[in-house]
C-alpha cells in the first residue's frame, strides 16, 4: 500500500496520461476508461472522476483509512 501511495503522490501510476507521455500509448486513447471524456490522470481518477472518484469514500470506509480529497491532498 505504501508503494502505491508513493507512486500516486509522485504521479508515477501507469495512467493513460503517463503512458502517453512515455510514448507507450497514442494520444488518441488517453481518455478516461469510464467514458467521461476527461484525460485519465491520477488526479482525475482518484479525485475528480464522476464515476471512479465517487468510489473512494466507500473504499476508504471499508479499509478504515482517512479519505484524501482535493482539499486535503496538499497536507500529504
N, C-alpha and C. Protein backbone atom coordinates (compact mmCIF):
# COMPACT_ATOMS: atom_id res chain seq x y z
N UNK A 1 0.83 -1.19 0.00
CA UNK A 1 0.00 0.00 0.00
C UNK A 1 0.87 1.26 0.00
N UNK A 2 2.00 1.22 0.74
CA UNK A 2 2.86 2.40 0.81
C UNK A 2 3.49 2.71 -0.55
N UNK A 3 3.87 1.66 -1.28
CA UNK A 3 4.47 1.89 -2.60
C UNK A 3 3.45 2.50 -3.54
N UNK A 4 2.22 1.99 -3.53
CA UNK A 4 1.16 2.55 -4.36
C UNK A 4 0.87 3.99 -4.01
N UNK A 5 0.87 4.29 -2.71
CA UNK A 5 0.65 5.67 -2.26
C UNK A 5 1.77 6.57 -2.73
N UNK A 6 3.00 6.08 -2.63
CA UNK A 6 4.14 6.88 -3.07
C UNK A 6 4.06 7.15 -4.56
N UNK A 7 3.71 6.13 -5.34
CA UNK A 7 3.56 6.33 -6.79
C UNK A 7 2.45 7.33 -7.10
N UNK A 8 1.38 7.28 -6.33
CA UNK A 8 0.28 8.22 -6.53
C UNK A 8 0.75 9.64 -6.25
N UNK A 9 1.43 9.84 -5.12
CA UNK A 9 1.89 11.18 -4.76
C UNK A 9 2.93 11.71 -5.73
N UNK A 10 3.73 10.83 -6.33
CA UNK A 10 4.75 11.25 -7.29
C UNK A 10 4.24 11.24 -8.72
N UNK A 11 2.96 10.99 -8.91
CA UNK A 11 2.34 10.89 -10.24
C UNK A 11 3.06 9.87 -11.12
N UNK A 12 3.34 8.70 -10.55
CA UNK A 12 4.05 7.64 -11.26
C UNK A 12 3.16 6.43 -11.57
N UNK A 13 1.86 6.54 -11.32
CA UNK A 13 0.96 5.43 -11.65
C UNK A 13 0.82 5.30 -13.16
N UNK A 14 0.62 4.08 -13.67
CA UNK A 14 0.52 3.89 -15.12
C UNK A 14 -0.85 4.30 -15.67
N UNK A 15 -1.18 5.57 -15.52
CA UNK A 15 -2.42 6.09 -16.09
C UNK A 15 -2.22 6.29 -17.58
N UNK A 16 -3.29 6.46 -18.30
CA UNK A 16 -3.18 6.69 -19.74
C UNK A 16 -2.40 7.96 -20.04
N UNK A 17 -2.57 9.00 -19.22
CA UNK A 17 -1.83 10.25 -19.44
C UNK A 17 -0.32 10.00 -19.31
N UNK A 18 0.10 9.27 -18.28
CA UNK A 18 1.52 8.98 -18.10
C UNK A 18 2.05 8.06 -19.19
N UNK A 19 1.28 7.06 -19.58
CA UNK A 19 1.73 6.15 -20.63
C UNK A 19 1.82 6.86 -21.98
N UNK A 20 0.95 7.83 -22.22
CA UNK A 20 1.02 8.62 -23.45
C UNK A 20 2.28 9.49 -23.44
N UNK A 21 2.57 10.10 -22.30
CA UNK A 21 3.77 10.93 -22.17
C UNK A 21 5.03 10.12 -22.42
N UNK A 22 5.04 8.86 -22.00
CA UNK A 22 6.21 7.99 -22.17
C UNK A 22 6.26 7.34 -23.55
N UNK A 23 5.27 7.60 -24.39
CA UNK A 23 5.25 7.06 -25.73
C UNK A 23 4.72 5.64 -25.83
N UNK A 24 4.07 5.15 -24.78
CA UNK A 24 3.53 3.79 -24.78
C UNK A 24 2.14 3.71 -25.40
N UNK A 25 1.42 4.82 -25.38
CA UNK A 25 0.07 4.89 -25.94
C UNK A 25 -0.05 6.08 -26.88
N UNK A 26 -0.95 5.96 -27.82
CA UNK A 26 -1.27 7.07 -28.71
C UNK A 26 -2.09 8.10 -27.94
N UNK A 27 -1.92 9.36 -28.26
CA UNK A 27 -2.70 10.41 -27.60
C UNK A 27 -4.18 10.30 -27.93
N UNK A 28 -4.52 9.51 -28.93
CA UNK A 28 -5.93 9.33 -29.29
C UNK A 28 -6.69 8.47 -28.28
N UNK A 29 -5.97 7.74 -27.43
CA UNK A 29 -6.63 6.82 -26.49
C UNK A 29 -6.33 7.14 -25.03
N UNK A 30 -6.00 8.38 -24.71
CA UNK A 30 -5.62 8.70 -23.34
C UNK A 30 -6.77 9.21 -22.48
N UNK A 31 -7.99 9.06 -22.96
CA UNK A 31 -9.15 9.50 -22.19
C UNK A 31 -9.56 8.44 -21.16
N UNK A 32 -10.22 8.87 -20.13
CA UNK A 32 -10.64 8.03 -19.01
C UNK A 32 -11.49 6.85 -19.49
N UNK A 33 -11.20 5.70 -18.94
CA UNK A 33 -11.90 4.47 -19.32
C UNK A 33 -13.38 4.50 -18.92
N UNK A 34 -13.77 5.40 -18.03
CA UNK A 34 -15.18 5.49 -17.62
C UNK A 34 -16.06 6.08 -18.71
N UNK A 35 -15.44 6.70 -19.72
CA UNK A 35 -16.21 7.29 -20.81
C UNK A 35 -16.64 8.72 -20.55
N UNK A 36 -16.09 9.34 -19.51
CA UNK A 36 -16.49 10.70 -19.16
C UNK A 36 -15.87 11.75 -20.09
N UNK A 37 -14.85 11.35 -20.87
CA UNK A 37 -14.25 12.27 -21.82
C UNK A 37 -13.04 13.03 -21.31
N UNK A 38 -12.71 12.90 -20.04
CA UNK A 38 -11.56 13.60 -19.47
C UNK A 38 -10.28 12.79 -19.68
N UNK A 39 -9.13 13.46 -19.57
CA UNK A 39 -7.84 12.79 -19.65
C UNK A 39 -7.67 11.91 -18.41
N UNK A 40 -7.22 10.67 -18.60
CA UNK A 40 -7.06 9.74 -17.47
C UNK A 40 -5.74 9.99 -16.76
N UNK A 41 -5.76 10.85 -15.76
CA UNK A 41 -4.60 11.11 -14.90
C UNK A 41 -4.92 10.58 -13.51
N UNK A 42 -3.91 10.49 -12.66
CA UNK A 42 -4.14 10.03 -11.29
C UNK A 42 -5.09 10.98 -10.56
N UNK A 43 -4.87 12.27 -10.72
CA UNK A 43 -5.74 13.24 -10.05
C UNK A 43 -7.18 13.06 -10.49
N UNK A 44 -7.37 12.87 -11.79
CA UNK A 44 -8.74 12.68 -12.30
C UNK A 44 -9.36 11.40 -11.73
N UNK A 45 -8.64 10.28 -11.81
CA UNK A 45 -9.20 9.00 -11.37
C UNK A 45 -9.54 8.98 -9.89
N UNK A 46 -8.67 9.57 -9.07
CA UNK A 46 -8.85 9.47 -7.62
C UNK A 46 -9.64 10.61 -7.02
N UNK A 47 -9.72 11.75 -7.70
CA UNK A 47 -10.35 12.92 -7.07
C UNK A 47 -11.54 13.48 -7.84
N UNK A 48 -11.45 13.58 -9.16
CA UNK A 48 -12.48 14.34 -9.86
C UNK A 48 -13.36 13.55 -10.82
N UNK A 49 -13.04 12.29 -11.07
CA UNK A 49 -13.86 11.49 -11.99
C UNK A 49 -15.23 11.24 -11.37
N UNK A 50 -16.27 11.52 -12.13
CA UNK A 50 -17.63 11.33 -11.61
C UNK A 50 -17.95 9.86 -11.35
N UNK A 51 -17.27 8.95 -12.02
CA UNK A 51 -17.51 7.52 -11.83
C UNK A 51 -16.58 6.95 -10.76
N UNK A 52 -15.27 7.00 -11.01
CA UNK A 52 -14.31 6.38 -10.10
C UNK A 52 -14.06 7.21 -8.84
N UNK A 53 -14.08 8.52 -8.97
CA UNK A 53 -13.88 9.38 -7.80
C UNK A 53 -14.94 9.16 -6.74
N UNK A 54 -16.13 8.79 -7.16
CA UNK A 54 -17.23 8.54 -6.22
C UNK A 54 -17.04 7.24 -5.45
N UNK A 55 -16.18 6.34 -5.91
CA UNK A 55 -15.95 5.06 -5.23
C UNK A 55 -15.04 5.19 -4.01
N UNK A 56 -14.13 6.16 -4.02
CA UNK A 56 -13.09 6.22 -2.99
C UNK A 56 -13.60 6.46 -1.58
N UNK A 57 -14.65 7.24 -1.35
CA UNK A 57 -15.17 7.33 0.02
C UNK A 57 -15.64 5.97 0.56
N UNK A 58 -16.23 5.15 -0.30
CA UNK A 58 -16.67 3.82 0.11
C UNK A 58 -15.48 2.92 0.41
N UNK A 59 -14.50 2.91 -0.47
CA UNK A 59 -13.29 2.10 -0.25
C UNK A 59 -12.59 2.55 1.03
N UNK A 60 -12.49 3.84 1.23
CA UNK A 60 -11.85 4.38 2.43
C UNK A 60 -12.54 3.90 3.70
N UNK A 61 -13.86 3.88 3.69
CA UNK A 61 -14.58 3.42 4.88
C UNK A 61 -14.41 1.92 5.10
N UNK A 62 -14.30 1.14 4.02
CA UNK A 62 -14.09 -0.31 4.15
C UNK A 62 -12.76 -0.62 4.83
N UNK A 63 -11.71 0.12 4.42
CA UNK A 63 -10.38 -0.20 4.95
C UNK A 63 -10.04 0.60 6.20
N UNK A 64 -10.95 1.45 6.64
CA UNK A 64 -10.73 2.21 7.86
C UNK A 64 -9.63 3.25 7.74
N UNK A 65 -9.53 3.85 6.59
CA UNK A 65 -8.49 4.85 6.33
C UNK A 65 -9.13 6.22 6.16
N UNK A 66 -8.35 7.25 6.45
CA UNK A 66 -8.87 8.60 6.22
C UNK A 66 -8.90 8.87 4.73
N UNK A 67 -9.86 9.62 4.31
CA UNK A 67 -10.05 9.91 2.90
C UNK A 67 -9.24 11.13 2.49
N UNK A 68 -8.50 11.00 1.40
CA UNK A 68 -7.77 12.12 0.83
C UNK A 68 -8.66 12.74 -0.23
N UNK A 69 -8.88 14.03 -0.14
CA UNK A 69 -9.68 14.75 -1.13
C UNK A 69 -8.82 15.82 -1.76
N UNK A 70 -9.35 16.49 -2.75
CA UNK A 70 -8.58 17.58 -3.38
C UNK A 70 -8.29 18.69 -2.38
N UNK A 71 -9.12 18.81 -1.34
CA UNK A 71 -8.88 19.84 -0.33
C UNK A 71 -7.80 19.41 0.67
N UNK A 72 -7.70 18.11 0.97
CA UNK A 72 -6.73 17.65 1.95
C UNK A 72 -5.43 17.16 1.33
N UNK A 73 -5.36 16.99 0.02
CA UNK A 73 -4.17 16.49 -0.64
C UNK A 73 -2.92 17.30 -0.34
N UNK A 74 -2.96 18.65 -0.32
CA UNK A 74 -1.74 19.39 -0.02
C UNK A 74 -1.14 19.07 1.36
N UNK A 75 -1.93 18.56 2.28
CA UNK A 75 -1.43 18.19 3.60
C UNK A 75 -0.46 17.03 3.51
N UNK A 76 -0.68 16.13 2.55
CA UNK A 76 0.15 14.95 2.39
C UNK A 76 1.35 15.28 1.56
